């Protein structure tokens, strides 16, 4: 997991997609031609309903709080 140092303004540059609530693609690549075919990036495909659920919850939290652009006081559920 990515641990954020709250004393500095850090952001994670990772991306993920959840498909059908059961499959996740997560990695560092921008999902454009250069990011997928030219740059050296890392990515993983995970088939796990629990992981997909966690990331869906995180997305919803991030979406609800997008205008604040600050770290949450309480970490998301694991």
C-alpha atoms as a PDB file:
ATOM      1  CA  UNK A   1       0.000   0.000   0.000  1.00  0.00           C
ATOM      2  CA  UNK A   2       1.019   3.595  -0.612  1.00  0.00           C
ATOM      3  CA  UNK A   3       1.625   5.385   2.689  1.00  0.00           C
ATOM      4  CA  UNK A   4       1.323   9.154   2.418  1.00  0.00           C
ATOM      5  CA  UNK A   5       3.556  11.440   4.475  1.00  0.00           C
ATOM      6  CA  UNK A   6       1.023  14.056   5.601  1.00  0.00           C
ATOM      7  CA  UNK A   7       3.779  16.560   6.451  1.00  0.00           C
ATOM      8  CA  UNK A   8       4.402  17.163   2.738  1.00  0.00           C
ATOM      9  CA  UNK A   9       2.057  17.547  -0.224  1.00  0.00           C
ATOM     10  CA  UNK A  10       2.373  14.161  -1.926  1.00  0.00           C
ATOM     11  CA  UNK A  11       0.079  12.590  -4.461  1.00  0.00           C
ATOM     12  CA  UNK A  12       0.136   9.133  -5.906  1.00  0.00           C
ATOM     13  CA  UNK A  13       0.362   8.999  -9.701  1.00  0.00           C
ATOM     14  CA  UNK A  14      -1.215   5.569  -9.990  1.00  0.00           C
ATOM     15  CA  UNK A  15      -4.249   4.665 -12.035  1.00  0.00           C
ATOM     16  CA  UNK A  16      -6.740   1.871 -11.748  1.00  0.00           C
ATOM     17  CA  UNK A  17      -9.801   0.557 -13.474  1.00  0.00           C
ATOM     18  CA  UNK A  18     -12.394  -1.800 -12.023  1.00  0.00           C
ATOM     19  CA  UNK A  19     -14.257  -4.041 -14.448  1.00  0.00           C
ATOM     20  CA  UNK A  20     -17.494  -5.880 -13.620  1.00  0.00           C
ATOM     21  CA  UNK A  21     -16.771  -5.573  -9.879  1.00  0.00           C
ATOM     22  CA  UNK A  22     -14.311  -8.454 -10.044  1.00  0.00           C
ATOM     23  CA  UNK A  23     -11.255  -7.476 -12.096  1.00  0.00           C
ATOM     24  CA  UNK A  24      -8.804  -4.619 -11.548  1.00  0.00           C
ATOM     25  CA  UNK A  25      -6.024  -3.149 -13.648  1.00  0.00           C
ATOM     26  CA  UNK A  26      -3.701  -0.979 -11.581  1.00  0.00           C
ATOM     27  CA  UNK A  27      -0.422   0.695 -12.496  1.00  0.00           C
ATOM     28  CA  UNK A  28       1.539   3.828 -13.243  1.00  0.00           C
ATOM     29  CA  UNK A  29       0.904   4.239 -16.984  1.00  0.00           C
ATOM     30  CA  UNK A  30      -1.201   6.992 -18.488  1.00  0.00           C
ATOM     31  CA  UNK A  31      -3.757   5.181 -20.650  1.00  0.00           C
ATOM     32  CA  UNK A  32      -2.640   6.755 -23.908  1.00  0.00           C
ATOM     33  CA  UNK A  33      -0.405   5.471 -26.706  1.00  0.00           C
ATOM     34  CA  UNK A  34       2.863   6.759 -25.206  1.00  0.00           C
ATOM     35  CA  UNK A  35       2.038   5.526 -21.714  1.00  0.00           C
ATOM     36  CA  UNK A  36       1.070   2.062 -22.907  1.00  0.00           C
ATOM     37  CA  UNK A  37       3.564   1.492 -25.732  1.00  0.00           C
ATOM     38  CA  UNK A  38       6.629   3.718 -25.284  1.00  0.00           C
ATOM     39  CA  UNK A  39       7.240   4.571 -21.619  1.00  0.00           C
ATOM     40  CA  UNK A  40       8.524   1.997 -19.157  1.00  0.00           C
ATOM     41  CA  UNK A  41       5.631   1.660 -16.772  1.00  0.00           C
ATOM     42  CA  UNK A  42       4.349  -0.955 -14.385  1.00  0.00           C
ATOM     43  CA  UNK A  43       0.892  -2.506 -14.218  1.00  0.00           C
ATOM     44  CA  UNK A  44      -0.920  -5.493 -12.797  1.00  0.00           C
ATOM     45  CA  UNK A  45      -4.179  -7.280 -13.525  1.00  0.00           C
ATOM     46  CA  UNK A  46      -5.931  -8.635 -10.431  1.00  0.00           C
ATOM     47  CA  UNK A  47      -9.027 -10.835 -10.467  1.00  0.00           C
ATOM     48  CA  UNK A  48     -10.412 -10.481  -6.963  1.00  0.00           C
ATOM     49  CA  UNK A  49     -13.826  -9.222  -5.896  1.00  0.00           C
ATOM     50  CA  UNK A  50     -12.588  -7.924  -2.518  1.00  0.00           C
ATOM     51  CA  UNK A  51      -9.803  -5.858  -4.117  1.00  0.00           C
ATOM     52  CA  UNK A  52     -12.233  -4.521  -6.724  1.00  0.00           C
ATOM     53  CA  UNK A  53     -14.651  -3.516  -3.960  1.00  0.00           C
ATOM     54  CA  UNK A  54     -11.957  -1.692  -1.997  1.00  0.00           C
ATOM     55  CA  UNK A  55     -10.893   0.287  -5.059  1.00  0.00           C
ATOM     56  CA  UNK A  56     -14.499   1.093  -5.993  1.00  0.00           C
ATOM     57  CA  UNK A  57     -15.068   2.471  -2.478  1.00  0.00           C
ATOM     58  CA  UNK A  58     -11.873   4.505  -2.718  1.00  0.00           C
ATOM     59  CA  UNK A  59     -12.939   5.922  -6.086  1.00  0.00           C
ATOM     60  CA  UNK A  60     -16.306   6.977  -4.677  1.00  0.00           C
ATOM     61  CA  UNK A  61     -14.608   8.617  -1.685  1.00  0.00           C
ATOM     62  CA  UNK A  62     -12.131  10.446  -3.956  1.00  0.00           C
ATOM     63  CA  UNK A  63     -14.951  11.562  -6.271  1.00  0.00           C
ATOM     64  CA  UNK A  64     -17.018  12.904  -3.369  1.00  0.00           C
ATOM     65  CA  UNK A  65     -14.004  14.821  -2.007  1.00  0.00           C
ATOM     66  CA  UNK A  66     -12.365  15.911  -5.286  1.00  0.00           C
ATOM     67  CA  UNK A  67     -12.929  19.609  -4.753  1.00  0.00           C
ATOM     68  CA  UNK A  68     -10.996  19.671  -1.471  1.00  0.00           C
ATOM     69  CA  UNK A  69      -7.792  18.202  -2.959  1.00  0.00           C
ATOM     70  CA  UNK A  70      -6.557  17.348   0.520  1.00  0.00           C
ATOM     71  CA  UNK A  71      -5.721  14.148   2.337  1.00  0.00           C
ATOM     72  CA  UNK A  72      -8.518  12.540   4.343  1.00  0.00           C
ATOM     73  CA  UNK A  73      -8.395  12.689   8.135  1.00  0.00           C
ATOM     74  CA  UNK A  74      -9.452   9.046   8.348  1.00  0.00           C
ATOM     75  CA  UNK A  75      -7.872   6.467   6.022  1.00  0.00           C
ATOM     76  CA  UNK A  76     -10.228   4.461   3.808  1.00  0.00           C
ATOM     77  CA  UNK A  77     -11.381   1.032   4.982  1.00  0.00           C
ATOM     78  CA  UNK A  78      -9.173  -1.919   4.063  1.00  0.00           C
END
